[in-house]
């Protein structure tokens, strides 16, 4: 059973009351006062957000989750949930068991510190382990974090393609090792987005619609990262040569340009760049399609089929670049809304 301290949304209508000196007041629901142990004189934080007024009790404590190993078929499911709750901004996760955990289980749970930025083990017993997640936030804006992930991706595409062109398996292995780190950056970005939304004490220059756009952009980047993982694996397992590699080099170079321009369109809210990416992506996809048809026509050629799988992954990443500029267009539209 998953135990989580969480809020339950309720919608109620209240009427403004006129008080002295042209001021107004509104009463707060008793259930909300009771839920957060508020009394007369308690501090309430207010935040305006694109037509909404958000109220936060200053004594609010973020969720702490408890997961019981006995209730899961696999430790992988537990680790998956810990990553998910981390993204959702919980302060700590405790994993328990009715019997002493196996050394390998503890070892796997400790590895979560490497996957989740700010994670640290604060309590451990034979039957349990507690991981705290700090709320320390970087000074850099969310845009900078998004851009750093895109730059990381572009570097991986560049180096994986180099490994393919030069037939250097060692480079491919090294590049594959970077994929876990880029996943760590993604989860940290998503956690930052959530914390920016729910913690008014943090510097917050983003309204809720803007944060939704960031989530969409981050998800598209992560989907592209998954296909980038396959691209790197295909490169590592292949030993190809010939003029077809020149075409792959050209396509990968254009993909790097698309990744960077798509993120630039989003971070700068530039519709001109949005339209440029849309036009350029159509050209790139046409080139990819022509090349794929050429490769598939040589269906008895094993090397051609491997190259086709590589190009398919480049094509999928291109599609997510288009998704990213869709998020950028939505972000631009938000600026004109009241």
C-alpha atoms as a PDB file:
ATOM      1  CA  UNK A   1       0.000   0.000   0.000  1.00  0.00           C
ATOM      2  CA  UNK A   2       1.264   3.473  -0.866  1.00  0.00           C
ATOM      3  CA  UNK A   3       0.773   5.979   1.932  1.00  0.00           C
ATOM      4  CA  UNK A   4       1.082   9.620   0.935  1.00  0.00           C
ATOM      5  CA  UNK A   5       0.176  12.845   2.689  1.00  0.00           C
ATOM      6  CA  UNK A   6      -1.612  14.704  -0.102  1.00  0.00           C
ATOM      7  CA  UNK A   7      -4.164  17.432  -0.784  1.00  0.00           C
ATOM      8  CA  UNK A   8      -7.668  16.649  -2.045  1.00  0.00           C
ATOM      9  CA  UNK A   9      -9.140  19.310  -4.306  1.00  0.00           C
ATOM     10  CA  UNK A  10     -12.483  20.857  -3.423  1.00  0.00           C
ATOM     11  CA  UNK A  11     -14.301  23.616  -5.278  1.00  0.00           C
ATOM     12  CA  UNK A  12     -16.401  25.998  -3.223  1.00  0.00           C
ATOM     13  CA  UNK A  13     -17.963  29.357  -3.966  1.00  0.00           C
ATOM     14  CA  UNK A  14     -17.522  32.225  -1.501  1.00  0.00           C
ATOM     15  CA  UNK A  15     -18.799  35.808  -1.613  1.00  0.00           C
ATOM     16  CA  UNK A  16     -16.719  38.897  -0.949  1.00  0.00           C
ATOM     17  CA  UNK A  17     -17.676  40.837   2.155  1.00  0.00           C
ATOM     18  CA  UNK A  18     -17.245  44.592   2.373  1.00  0.00           C
ATOM     19  CA  UNK A  19     -15.310  45.915   5.359  1.00  0.00           C
ATOM     20  CA  UNK A  20     -14.074  49.349   6.380  1.00  0.00           C
ATOM     21  CA  UNK A  21     -12.135  51.717   4.119  1.00  0.00           C
ATOM     22  CA  UNK A  22     -13.298  50.127   0.854  1.00  0.00           C
ATOM     23  CA  UNK A  23     -11.570  46.854   1.716  1.00  0.00           C
ATOM     24  CA  UNK A  24     -12.937  43.372   1.215  1.00  0.00           C
ATOM     25  CA  UNK A  25     -12.637  40.055   3.003  1.00  0.00           C
ATOM     26  CA  UNK A  26     -13.505  36.442   2.362  1.00  0.00           C
ATOM     27  CA  UNK A  27     -13.912  33.602   4.837  1.00  0.00           C
ATOM     28  CA  UNK A  28     -11.847  30.440   4.539  1.00  0.00           C
ATOM     29  CA  UNK A  29     -13.428  26.963   4.685  1.00  0.00           C
ATOM     30  CA  UNK A  30     -13.317  25.272   8.076  1.00  0.00           C
ATOM     31  CA  UNK A  31     -12.098  22.006   6.545  1.00  0.00           C
ATOM     32  CA  UNK A  32      -9.072  23.833   5.110  1.00  0.00           C
ATOM     33  CA  UNK A  33      -8.321  25.563   8.420  1.00  0.00           C
ATOM     34  CA  UNK A  34      -8.540  22.237  10.226  1.00  0.00           C
ATOM     35  CA  UNK A  35      -6.503  20.364   7.634  1.00  0.00           C
ATOM     36  CA  UNK A  36      -3.489  22.641   8.103  1.00  0.00           C
ATOM     37  CA  UNK A  37      -3.927  23.234  11.848  1.00  0.00           C
ATOM     38  CA  UNK A  38      -4.459  26.955  11.402  1.00  0.00           C
ATOM     39  CA  UNK A  39      -5.656  29.273  14.149  1.00  0.00           C
ATOM     40  CA  UNK A  40      -6.202  32.982  14.652  1.00  0.00           C
ATOM     41  CA  UNK A  41      -2.975  34.754  13.766  1.00  0.00           C
ATOM     42  CA  UNK A  42      -1.666  31.958  11.511  1.00  0.00           C
ATOM     43  CA  UNK A  43       0.317  33.167   8.516  1.00  0.00           C
ATOM     44  CA  UNK A  44      -1.152  32.686   5.033  1.00  0.00           C
ATOM     45  CA  UNK A  45       0.849  33.281   1.853  1.00  0.00           C
ATOM     46  CA  UNK A  46      -0.907  34.770  -1.183  1.00  0.00           C
ATOM     47  CA  UNK A  47       0.225  34.588  -4.792  1.00  0.00           C
ATOM     48  CA  UNK A  48      -1.456  36.014  -7.906  1.00  0.00           C
ATOM     49  CA  UNK A  49      -1.257  33.786 -10.961  1.00  0.00           C
ATOM     50  CA  UNK A  50      -2.858  34.909 -14.241  1.00  0.00           C
ATOM     51  CA  UNK A  51      -6.286  35.707 -12.821  1.00  0.00           C
ATOM     52  CA  UNK A  52      -6.065  33.247  -9.928  1.00  0.00           C
ATOM     53  CA  UNK A  53      -5.224  33.975  -6.311  1.00  0.00           C
ATOM     54  CA  UNK A  54      -3.450  31.078  -4.630  1.00  0.00           C
ATOM     55  CA  UNK A  55      -3.358  30.667  -0.853  1.00  0.00           C
ATOM     56  CA  UNK A  56      -0.670  28.675   0.940  1.00  0.00           C
ATOM     57  CA  UNK A  57      -0.480  27.952   4.674  1.00  0.00           C
ATOM     58  CA  UNK A  58       3.032  28.957   5.720  1.00  0.00           C
ATOM     59  CA  UNK A  59       3.307  25.812   7.871  1.00  0.00           C
ATOM     60  CA  UNK A  60       2.523  23.482   4.984  1.00  0.00           C
ATOM     61  CA  UNK A  61       4.659  20.332   4.864  1.00  0.00           C
ATOM     62  CA  UNK A  62       5.260  18.496   1.607  1.00  0.00           C
ATOM     63  CA  UNK A  63       4.372  14.839   1.255  1.00  0.00           C
ATOM     64  CA  UNK A  64       6.327  11.900   2.603  1.00  0.00           C
ATOM     65  CA  UNK A  65       5.698   8.560   0.959  1.00  0.00           C
ATOM     66  CA  UNK A  66       6.029   5.042   2.383  1.00  0.00           C
ATOM     67  CA  UNK A  67       6.372   2.006   0.116  1.00  0.00           C
ATOM     68  CA  UNK A  68       6.161  -1.561   1.411  1.00  0.00           C
ATOM     69  CA  UNK A  69       8.362  -3.983  -0.524  1.00  0.00           C
ATOM     70  CA  UNK A  70       6.097  -6.900   0.405  1.00  0.00           C
ATOM     71  CA  UNK A  71       3.330  -5.494  -1.780  1.00  0.00           C
ATOM     72  CA  UNK A  72       5.334  -5.358  -5.018  1.00  0.00           C
ATOM     73  CA  UNK A  73       6.341  -8.164  -7.362  1.00  0.00           C
ATOM     74  CA  UNK A  74       9.609  -6.486  -8.232  1.00  0.00           C
ATOM     75  CA  UNK A  75      12.021  -4.028  -6.678  1.00  0.00           C
ATOM     76  CA  UNK A  76      12.019  -2.258 -10.050  1.00  0.00           C
ATOM     77  CA  UNK A  77       8.417  -1.153  -9.422  1.00  0.00           C
ATOM     78  CA  UNK A  78       9.432   0.361  -6.095  1.00  0.00           C
ATOM     79  CA  UNK A  79      12.331   2.233  -7.682  1.00  0.00           C
ATOM     80  CA  UNK A  80      10.011   3.448 -10.429  1.00  0.00           C
ATOM     81  CA  UNK A  81       7.590   4.862  -7.854  1.00  0.00           C
ATOM     82  CA  UNK A  82      10.384   6.526  -5.884  1.00  0.00           C
ATOM     83  CA  UNK A  83      11.504   8.307  -9.063  1.00  0.00           C
ATOM     84  CA  UNK A  84       7.906   9.342  -9.739  1.00  0.00           C
ATOM     85  CA  UNK A  85       7.335  10.744  -6.249  1.00  0.00           C
ATOM     86  CA  UNK A  86      10.678  12.525  -6.465  1.00  0.00           C
ATOM     87  CA  UNK A  87       9.474  14.328  -9.583  1.00  0.00           C
ATOM     88  CA  UNK A  88       6.230  15.212  -7.787  1.00  0.00           C
ATOM     89  CA  UNK A  89       8.126  17.104  -5.106  1.00  0.00           C
ATOM     90  CA  UNK A  90       7.865  14.813  -2.074  1.00  0.00           C
ATOM     91  CA  UNK A  91      10.357  15.455   0.704  1.00  0.00           C
ATOM     92  CA  UNK A  92      11.189  11.852   1.532  1.00  0.00           C
ATOM     93  CA  UNK A  93      10.520   8.238   0.595  1.00  0.00           C
ATOM     94  CA  UNK A  94      10.703   5.368   3.070  1.00  0.00           C
ATOM     95  CA  UNK A  95      10.910   1.806   1.776  1.00  0.00           C
ATOM     96  CA  UNK A  96       9.965  -0.850   4.319  1.00  0.00           C
ATOM     97  CA  UNK A  97       9.791  -4.626   4.488  1.00  0.00           C
ATOM     98  CA  UNK A  98       8.363  -7.137   6.965  1.00  0.00           C
ATOM     99  CA  UNK A  99      11.736  -8.884   7.019  1.00  0.00           C
ATOM    100  CA  UNK A 100      15.365  -7.752   6.693  1.00  0.00           C
ATOM    101  CA  UNK A 101      16.098  -6.645   3.150  1.00  0.00           C
ATOM    102  CA  UNK A 102      18.589  -8.574   1.065  1.00  0.00           C
ATOM    103  CA  UNK A 103      21.979  -6.896   0.530  1.00  0.00           C
ATOM    104  CA  UNK A 104      21.314  -6.649  -3.212  1.00  0.00           C
ATOM    105  CA  UNK A 105      17.995  -4.900  -2.545  1.00  0.00           C
ATOM    106  CA  UNK A 106      19.652  -2.344  -0.299  1.00  0.00           C
ATOM    107  CA  UNK A 107      22.383  -1.839  -2.882  1.00  0.00           C
ATOM    108  CA  UNK A 108      19.826  -1.144  -5.612  1.00  0.00           C
ATOM    109  CA  UNK A 109      17.924   1.314  -3.423  1.00  0.00           C
ATOM    110  CA  UNK A 110      21.121   3.165  -2.533  1.00  0.00           C
ATOM    111  CA  UNK A 111      21.818   3.585  -6.246  1.00  0.00           C
ATOM    112  CA  UNK A 112      18.812   5.913  -6.409  1.00  0.00           C
ATOM    113  CA  UNK A 113      21.101   8.594  -4.977  1.00  0.00           C
ATOM    114  CA  UNK A 114      22.966   8.545  -8.288  1.00  0.00           C
ATOM    115  CA  UNK A 115      19.763   8.899 -10.315  1.00  0.00           C
ATOM    116  CA  UNK A 116      18.054  11.623  -8.283  1.00  0.00           C
ATOM    117  CA  UNK A 117      19.784  14.946  -7.705  1.00  0.00           C
ATOM    118  CA  UNK A 118      19.594  16.037  -4.072  1.00  0.00           C
ATOM    119  CA  UNK A 119      18.793  12.541  -2.771  1.00  0.00           C
ATOM    120  CA  UNK A 120      20.459  11.380   0.420  1.00  0.00           C
ATOM    121  CA  UNK A 121      19.884   8.477   2.788  1.00  0.00           C
ATOM    122  CA  UNK A 122      18.975   9.801   6.236  1.00  0.00           C
ATOM    123  CA  UNK A 123      17.859   6.646   8.019  1.00  0.00           C
ATOM    124  CA  UNK A 124      18.493   2.959   7.534  1.00  0.00           C
ATOM    125  CA  UNK A 125      17.578  -0.225   9.395  1.00  0.00           C
ATOM    126  CA  UNK A 126      17.568  -3.904   8.391  1.00  0.00           C
ATOM    127  CA  UNK A 127      13.896  -3.628   7.369  1.00  0.00           C
ATOM    128  CA  UNK A 128      13.816  -0.072   6.008  1.00  0.00           C
ATOM    129  CA  UNK A 129      15.610   2.762   4.285  1.00  0.00           C
ATOM    130  CA  UNK A 130      14.610   6.443   4.091  1.00  0.00           C
ATOM    131  CA  UNK A 131      15.743   8.753   1.317  1.00  0.00           C
ATOM    132  CA  UNK A 132      15.374  12.511   1.705  1.00  0.00           C
ATOM    133  CA  UNK A 133      15.072  14.813  -1.292  1.00  0.00           C
ATOM    134  CA  UNK A 134      16.331  18.328  -0.743  1.00  0.00           C
ATOM    135  CA  UNK A 135      14.449  21.350  -2.044  1.00  0.00           C
ATOM    136  CA  UNK A 136      17.631  23.282  -2.801  1.00  0.00           C
ATOM    137  CA  UNK A 137      16.930  25.083  -6.052  1.00  0.00           C
ATOM    138  CA  UNK A 138      19.368  26.432  -8.580  1.00  0.00           C
ATOM    139  CA  UNK A 139      19.521  30.151  -9.236  1.00  0.00           C
ATOM    140  CA  UNK A 140      19.330  29.594 -12.970  1.00  0.00           C
ATOM    141  CA  UNK A 141      15.878  29.851 -14.574  1.00  0.00           C
ATOM    142  CA  UNK A 142      14.018  26.817 -15.882  1.00  0.00           C
ATOM    143  CA  UNK A 143      14.925  27.865 -19.420  1.00  0.00           C
ATOM    144  CA  UNK A 144      18.615  27.346 -18.674  1.00  0.00           C
ATOM    145  CA  UNK A 145      17.979  23.837 -17.342  1.00  0.00           C
ATOM    146  CA  UNK A 146      16.000  22.946 -20.450  1.00  0.00           C
ATOM    147  CA  UNK A 147      18.748  24.297 -22.679  1.00  0.00           C
ATOM    148  CA  UNK A 148      21.443  22.336 -20.838  1.00  0.00           C
ATOM    149  CA  UNK A 149      19.539  19.094 -21.509  1.00  0.00           C
ATOM    150  CA  UNK A 150      19.239  19.979 -25.196  1.00  0.00           C
ATOM    151  CA  UNK A 151      22.964  20.754 -25.377  1.00  0.00           C
ATOM    152  CA  UNK A 152      23.671  17.419 -23.695  1.00  0.00           C
ATOM    153  CA  UNK A 153      21.513  15.660 -26.300  1.00  0.00           C
ATOM    154  CA  UNK A 154      23.193  17.452 -29.194  1.00  0.00           C
ATOM    155  CA  UNK A 155      26.614  16.405 -27.906  1.00  0.00           C
ATOM    156  CA  UNK A 156      25.492  12.779 -27.656  1.00  0.00           C
ATOM    157  CA  UNK A 157      24.170  12.823 -31.243  1.00  0.00           C
ATOM    158  CA  UNK A 158      27.454  14.324 -32.415  1.00  0.00           C
ATOM    159  CA  UNK A 159      29.674  11.839 -30.593  1.00  0.00           C
ATOM    160  CA  UNK A 160      27.531   8.792 -31.387  1.00  0.00           C
ATOM    161  CA  UNK A 161      27.642   9.722 -35.069  1.00  0.00           C
ATOM    162  CA  UNK A 162      31.392  10.128 -34.830  1.00  0.00           C
ATOM    163  CA  UNK A 163      31.628   6.619 -33.355  1.00  0.00           C
ATOM    164  CA  UNK A 164      29.587   5.308 -36.285  1.00  0.00           C
ATOM    165  CA  UNK A 165      31.660   7.088 -38.924  1.00  0.00           C
ATOM    166  CA  UNK A 166      35.004   6.112 -37.417  1.00  0.00           C
ATOM    167  CA  UNK A 167      33.983   2.620 -36.342  1.00  0.00           C
ATOM    168  CA  UNK A 168      35.091   3.383 -32.789  1.00  0.00           C
ATOM    169  CA  UNK A 169      33.233   1.067 -30.426  1.00  0.00           C
ATOM    170  CA  UNK A 170      34.994   2.560 -27.381  1.00  0.00           C
ATOM    171  CA  UNK A 171      33.500   5.968 -28.180  1.00  0.00           C
ATOM    172  CA  UNK A 172      30.059   4.391 -28.594  1.00  0.00           C
ATOM    173  CA  UNK A 173      30.369   2.650 -25.217  1.00  0.00           C
ATOM    174  CA  UNK A 174      31.416   5.900 -23.539  1.00  0.00           C
ATOM    175  CA  UNK A 175      28.511   7.772 -25.128  1.00  0.00           C
ATOM    176  CA  UNK A 176      26.048   5.105 -24.015  1.00  0.00           C
ATOM    177  CA  UNK A 177      27.297   5.594 -20.463  1.00  0.00           C
ATOM    178  CA  UNK A 178      26.150   9.225 -20.555  1.00  0.00           C
ATOM    179  CA  UNK A 179      22.498   8.338 -21.057  1.00  0.00           C
ATOM    180  CA  UNK A 180      21.863   7.762 -17.347  1.00  0.00           C
ATOM    181  CA  UNK A 181      23.189  11.228 -16.575  1.00  0.00           C
ATOM    182  CA  UNK A 182      20.836  12.887 -19.029  1.00  0.00           C
ATOM    183  CA  UNK A 183      17.941  11.042 -17.354  1.00  0.00           C
ATOM    184  CA  UNK A 184      19.101  12.485 -14.034  1.00  0.00           C
ATOM    185  CA  UNK A 185      19.004  15.997 -15.511  1.00  0.00           C
ATOM    186  CA  UNK A 186      15.488  15.396 -16.842  1.00  0.00           C
ATOM    187  CA  UNK A 187      14.106  14.215 -13.493  1.00  0.00           C
ATOM    188  CA  UNK A 188      15.710  17.187 -11.732  1.00  0.00           C
ATOM    189  CA  UNK A 189      14.140  19.592 -14.222  1.00  0.00           C
ATOM    190  CA  UNK A 190      10.702  18.035 -13.747  1.00  0.00           C
ATOM    191  CA  UNK A 191      11.071  18.247  -9.971  1.00  0.00           C
ATOM    192  CA  UNK A 192      12.051  21.909 -10.279  1.00  0.00           C
ATOM    193  CA  UNK A 193       8.943  22.604 -12.365  1.00  0.00           C
ATOM    194  CA  UNK A 194       6.686  20.948  -9.777  1.00  0.00           C
ATOM    195  CA  UNK A 195       8.351  22.703  -6.838  1.00  0.00           C
ATOM    196  CA  UNK A 196       8.088  26.039  -8.620  1.00  0.00           C
ATOM    197  CA  UNK A 197       4.347  25.429  -8.897  1.00  0.00           C
ATOM    198  CA  UNK A 198       3.695  24.320  -5.312  1.00  0.00           C
ATOM    199  CA  UNK A 199       6.208  26.233  -3.196  1.00  0.00           C
ATOM    200  CA  UNK A 200       5.499  29.973  -3.052  1.00  0.00           C
ATOM    201  CA  UNK A 201       8.634  30.528  -1.004  1.00  0.00           C
ATOM    202  CA  UNK A 202      10.703  29.838  -4.100  1.00  0.00           C
ATOM    203  CA  UNK A 203      11.405  32.599  -6.569  1.00  0.00           C
ATOM    204  CA  UNK A 204       8.629  32.157  -9.092  1.00  0.00           C
ATOM    205  CA  UNK A 205       8.407  34.113 -12.320  1.00  0.00           C
ATOM    206  CA  UNK A 206       6.149  31.565 -14.028  1.00  0.00           C
ATOM    207  CA  UNK A 207       2.372  31.307 -14.079  1.00  0.00           C
ATOM    208  CA  UNK A 208       0.641  27.940 -14.115  1.00  0.00           C
ATOM    209  CA  UNK A 209       0.047  27.967 -17.892  1.00  0.00           C
ATOM    210  CA  UNK A 210       3.728  28.646 -18.452  1.00  0.00           C
ATOM    211  CA  UNK A 211       4.658  25.743 -16.192  1.00  0.00           C
ATOM    212  CA  UNK A 212       2.352  23.444 -18.167  1.00  0.00           C
ATOM    213  CA  UNK A 213       4.259  24.450 -21.302  1.00  0.00           C
ATOM    214  CA  UNK A 214       7.515  23.564 -19.551  1.00  0.00           C
ATOM    215  CA  UNK A 215       6.135  20.139 -18.677  1.00  0.00           C
ATOM    216  CA  UNK A 216       5.130  19.560 -22.307  1.00  0.00           C
ATOM    217  CA  UNK A 217       8.557  20.653 -23.521  1.00  0.00           C
ATOM    218  CA  UNK A 218      10.365  18.495 -20.979  1.00  0.00           C
ATOM    219  CA  UNK A 219       8.255  15.466 -21.880  1.00  0.00           C
ATOM    220  CA  UNK A 220       9.029  15.887 -25.574  1.00  0.00           C
ATOM    221  CA  UNK A 221      12.714  16.154 -24.765  1.00  0.00           C
ATOM    222  CA  UNK A 222      12.522  13.013 -22.651  1.00  0.00           C
ATOM    223  CA  UNK A 223      10.749  11.102 -25.424  1.00  0.00           C
ATOM    224  CA  UNK A 224      13.514  12.229 -27.776  1.00  0.00           C
ATOM    225  CA  UNK A 225      16.067  11.042 -25.213  1.00  0.00           C
ATOM    226  CA  UNK A 226      14.524   7.547 -25.221  1.00  0.00           C
ATOM    227  CA  UNK A 227      14.947   7.312 -28.983  1.00  0.00           C
ATOM    228  CA  UNK A 228      18.419   8.772 -28.686  1.00  0.00           C
ATOM    229  CA  UNK A 229      19.195   5.827 -26.401  1.00  0.00           C
ATOM    230  CA  UNK A 230      18.172   3.407 -29.162  1.00  0.00           C
ATOM    231  CA  UNK A 231      20.209   5.382 -31.684  1.00  0.00           C
ATOM    232  CA  UNK A 232      23.314   5.036 -29.518  1.00  0.00           C
ATOM    233  CA  UNK A 233      22.707   1.305 -28.998  1.00  0.00           C
ATOM    234  CA  UNK A 234      22.340   0.671 -32.724  1.00  0.00           C
ATOM    235  CA  UNK A 235      25.524   2.624 -33.349  1.00  0.00           C
ATOM    236  CA  UNK A 236      27.366   0.602 -30.730  1.00  0.00           C
ATOM    237  CA  UNK A 237      26.266  -2.737 -32.197  1.00  0.00           C
ATOM    238  CA  UNK A 238      27.028  -1.832 -35.815  1.00  0.00           C
ATOM    239  CA  UNK A 239      30.237  -1.916 -37.824  1.00  0.00           C
ATOM    240  CA  UNK A 240      29.325  -0.124 -41.011  1.00  0.00           C
ATOM    241  CA  UNK A 241      31.190   1.588 -43.804  1.00  0.00           C
ATOM    242  CA  UNK A 242      30.483   3.122 -47.192  1.00  0.00           C
ATOM    243  CA  UNK A 243      28.979   6.211 -48.744  1.00  0.00           C
ATOM    244  CA  UNK A 244      25.680   5.752 -46.887  1.00  0.00           C
ATOM    245  CA  UNK A 245      27.419   6.975 -43.747  1.00  0.00           C
ATOM    246  CA  UNK A 246      27.869  10.400 -45.329  1.00  0.00           C
ATOM    247  CA  UNK A 247      24.092  10.675 -45.508  1.00  0.00           C
ATOM    248  CA  UNK A 248      23.791   9.722 -41.830  1.00  0.00           C
ATOM    249  CA  UNK A 249      26.397  12.348 -40.966  1.00  0.00           C
ATOM    250  CA  UNK A 250      24.404  14.992 -42.830  1.00  0.00           C
ATOM    251  CA  UNK A 251      21.123  13.981 -41.193  1.00  0.00           C
ATOM    252  CA  UNK A 252      22.610  13.900 -37.700  1.00  0.00           C
ATOM    253  CA  UNK A 253      24.096  17.362 -38.219  1.00  0.00           C
ATOM    254  CA  UNK A 254      20.695  18.700 -39.223  1.00  0.00           C
ATOM    255  CA  UNK A 255      19.102  17.010 -36.218  1.00  0.00           C
ATOM    256  CA  UNK A 256      21.559  18.726 -33.879  1.00  0.00           C
ATOM    257  CA  UNK A 257      20.563  22.032 -35.437  1.00  0.00           C
ATOM    258  CA  UNK A 258      16.872  21.203 -35.004  1.00  0.00           C
ATOM    259  CA  UNK A 259      17.289  20.297 -31.332  1.00  0.00           C
ATOM    260  CA  UNK A 260      19.080  23.530 -30.524  1.00  0.00           C
ATOM    261  CA  UNK A 261      16.780  25.772 -32.550  1.00  0.00           C
ATOM    262  CA  UNK A 262      13.633  24.136 -31.135  1.00  0.00           C
ATOM    263  CA  UNK A 263      14.800  24.725 -27.568  1.00  0.00           C
ATOM    264  CA  UNK A 264      15.846  28.261 -28.464  1.00  0.00           C
ATOM    265  CA  UNK A 265      12.352  28.891 -29.844  1.00  0.00           C
ATOM    266  CA  UNK A 266      10.873  27.714 -26.555  1.00  0.00           C
ATOM    267  CA  UNK A 267      13.209  29.483 -24.149  1.00  0.00           C
ATOM    268  CA  UNK A 268      13.064  32.825 -25.988  1.00  0.00           C
ATOM    269  CA  UNK A 269       9.353  32.560 -26.917  1.00  0.00           C
ATOM    270  CA  UNK A 270      10.263  33.312 -30.526  1.00  0.00           C
ATOM    271  CA  UNK A 271       7.554  32.516 -33.091  1.00  0.00           C
ATOM    272  CA  UNK A 272       9.970  33.244 -35.922  1.00  0.00           C
ATOM    273  CA  UNK A 273      12.127  30.347 -34.752  1.00  0.00           C
ATOM    274  CA  UNK A 274       9.026  28.185 -34.313  1.00  0.00           C
ATOM    275  CA  UNK A 275       8.151  28.667 -37.981  1.00  0.00           C
ATOM    276  CA  UNK A 276      11.772  28.093 -39.020  1.00  0.00           C
ATOM    277  CA  UNK A 277      11.899  24.765 -37.156  1.00  0.00           C
ATOM    278  CA  UNK A 278       8.591  23.682 -38.698  1.00  0.00           C
ATOM    279  CA  UNK A 279       9.869  24.439 -42.209  1.00  0.00           C
ATOM    280  CA  UNK A 280      13.293  22.911 -41.681  1.00  0.00           C
ATOM    281  CA  UNK A 281      11.891  19.791 -40.013  1.00  0.00           C
ATOM    282  CA  UNK A 282       9.703  19.151 -43.070  1.00  0.00           C
ATOM    283  CA  UNK A 283      12.789  19.301 -45.286  1.00  0.00           C
ATOM    284  CA  UNK A 284      14.726  16.993 -42.978  1.00  0.00           C
ATOM    285  CA  UNK A 285      11.900  14.470 -42.781  1.00  0.00           C
ATOM    286  CA  UNK A 286      11.614  14.394 -46.567  1.00  0.00           C
ATOM    287  CA  UNK A 287      15.341  13.698 -46.777  1.00  0.00           C
ATOM    288  CA  UNK A 288      15.010  10.981 -44.140  1.00  0.00           C
ATOM    289  CA  UNK A 289      12.087   9.399 -46.002  1.00  0.00           C
ATOM    290  CA  UNK A 290      13.950   9.290 -49.317  1.00  0.00           C
ATOM    291  CA  UNK A 291      16.984   7.757 -47.640  1.00  0.00           C
ATOM    292  CA  UNK A 292      14.855   5.177 -45.829  1.00  0.00           C
ATOM    293  CA  UNK A 293      13.180   4.110 -49.063  1.00  0.00           C
ATOM    294  CA  UNK A 294      16.609   3.645 -50.591  1.00  0.00           C
ATOM    295  CA  UNK A 295      17.746   1.524 -47.650  1.00  0.00           C
ATOM    296  CA  UNK A 296      14.575  -0.581 -47.516  1.00  0.00           C
ATOM    297  CA  UNK A 297      14.903  -1.339 -51.222  1.00  0.00           C
ATOM    298  CA  UNK A 298      18.087  -3.201 -50.300  1.00  0.00           C
ATOM    299  CA  UNK A 299      16.209  -5.462 -47.901  1.00  0.00           C
ATOM    300  CA  UNK A 300      18.671  -8.317 -48.343  1.00  0.00           C
ATOM    301  CA  UNK A 301      21.547  -6.071 -47.269  1.00  0.00           C
ATOM    302  CA  UNK A 302      22.015  -6.439 -43.500  1.00  0.00           C
ATOM    303  CA  UNK A 303      24.031  -3.219 -43.233  1.00  0.00           C
ATOM    304  CA  UNK A 304      21.285  -1.297 -45.021  1.00  0.00           C
ATOM    305  CA  UNK A 305      18.685  -2.573 -42.554  1.00  0.00           C
ATOM    306  CA  UNK A 306      20.827  -1.568 -39.570  1.00  0.00           C
ATOM    307  CA  UNK A 307      21.276   1.876 -41.079  1.00  0.00           C
ATOM    308  CA  UNK A 308      17.518   2.062 -41.629  1.00  0.00           C
ATOM    309  CA  UNK A 309      16.923   1.432 -37.917  1.00  0.00           C
ATOM    310  CA  UNK A 310      19.421   4.174 -37.084  1.00  0.00           C
ATOM    311  CA  UNK A 311      17.713   6.646 -39.422  1.00  0.00           C
ATOM    312  CA  UNK A 312      14.298   5.683 -38.023  1.00  0.00           C
ATOM    313  CA  UNK A 313      15.451   6.816 -34.589  1.00  0.00           C
ATOM    314  CA  UNK A 314      16.736  10.094 -36.034  1.00  0.00           C
ATOM    315  CA  UNK A 315      13.332  10.530 -37.660  1.00  0.00           C
ATOM    316  CA  UNK A 316      11.509   9.970 -34.378  1.00  0.00           C
ATOM    317  CA  UNK A 317      13.723  12.472 -32.573  1.00  0.00           C
ATOM    318  CA  UNK A 318      12.948  14.970 -35.343  1.00  0.00           C
ATOM    319  CA  UNK A 319       9.226  14.511 -34.644  1.00  0.00           C
ATOM    320  CA  UNK A 320       9.725  15.365 -30.984  1.00  0.00           C
ATOM    321  CA  UNK A 321      11.553  18.538 -31.988  1.00  0.00           C
ATOM    322  CA  UNK A 322       8.314  19.510 -33.723  1.00  0.00           C
ATOM    323  CA  UNK A 323       6.445  18.718 -30.507  1.00  0.00           C
ATOM    324  CA  UNK A 324       8.844  20.988 -28.670  1.00  0.00           C
ATOM    325  CA  UNK A 325       8.077  23.963 -30.902  1.00  0.00           C
ATOM    326  CA  UNK A 326       4.365  23.247 -30.460  1.00  0.00           C
ATOM    327  CA  UNK A 327       4.980  23.819 -26.755  1.00  0.00           C
ATOM    328  CA  UNK A 328       6.913  26.958 -27.685  1.00  0.00           C
ATOM    329  CA  UNK A 329       3.966  28.269 -29.705  1.00  0.00           C
ATOM    330  CA  UNK A 330       1.666  27.664 -26.742  1.00  0.00           C
ATOM    331  CA  UNK A 331       4.077  29.534 -24.525  1.00  0.00           C
ATOM    332  CA  UNK A 332       4.019  32.510 -26.880  1.00  0.00           C
ATOM    333  CA  UNK A 333       0.213  32.435 -26.940  1.00  0.00           C
ATOM    334  CA  UNK A 334       0.110  32.545 -23.138  1.00  0.00           C
ATOM    335  CA  UNK A 335       1.771  35.964 -23.084  1.00  0.00           C
ATOM    336  CA  UNK A 336      -1.255  37.529 -24.785  1.00  0.00           C
ATOM    337  CA  UNK A 337      -3.763  36.066 -22.317  1.00  0.00           C
ATOM    338  CA  UNK A 338      -4.997  38.031 -19.298  1.00  0.00           C
END
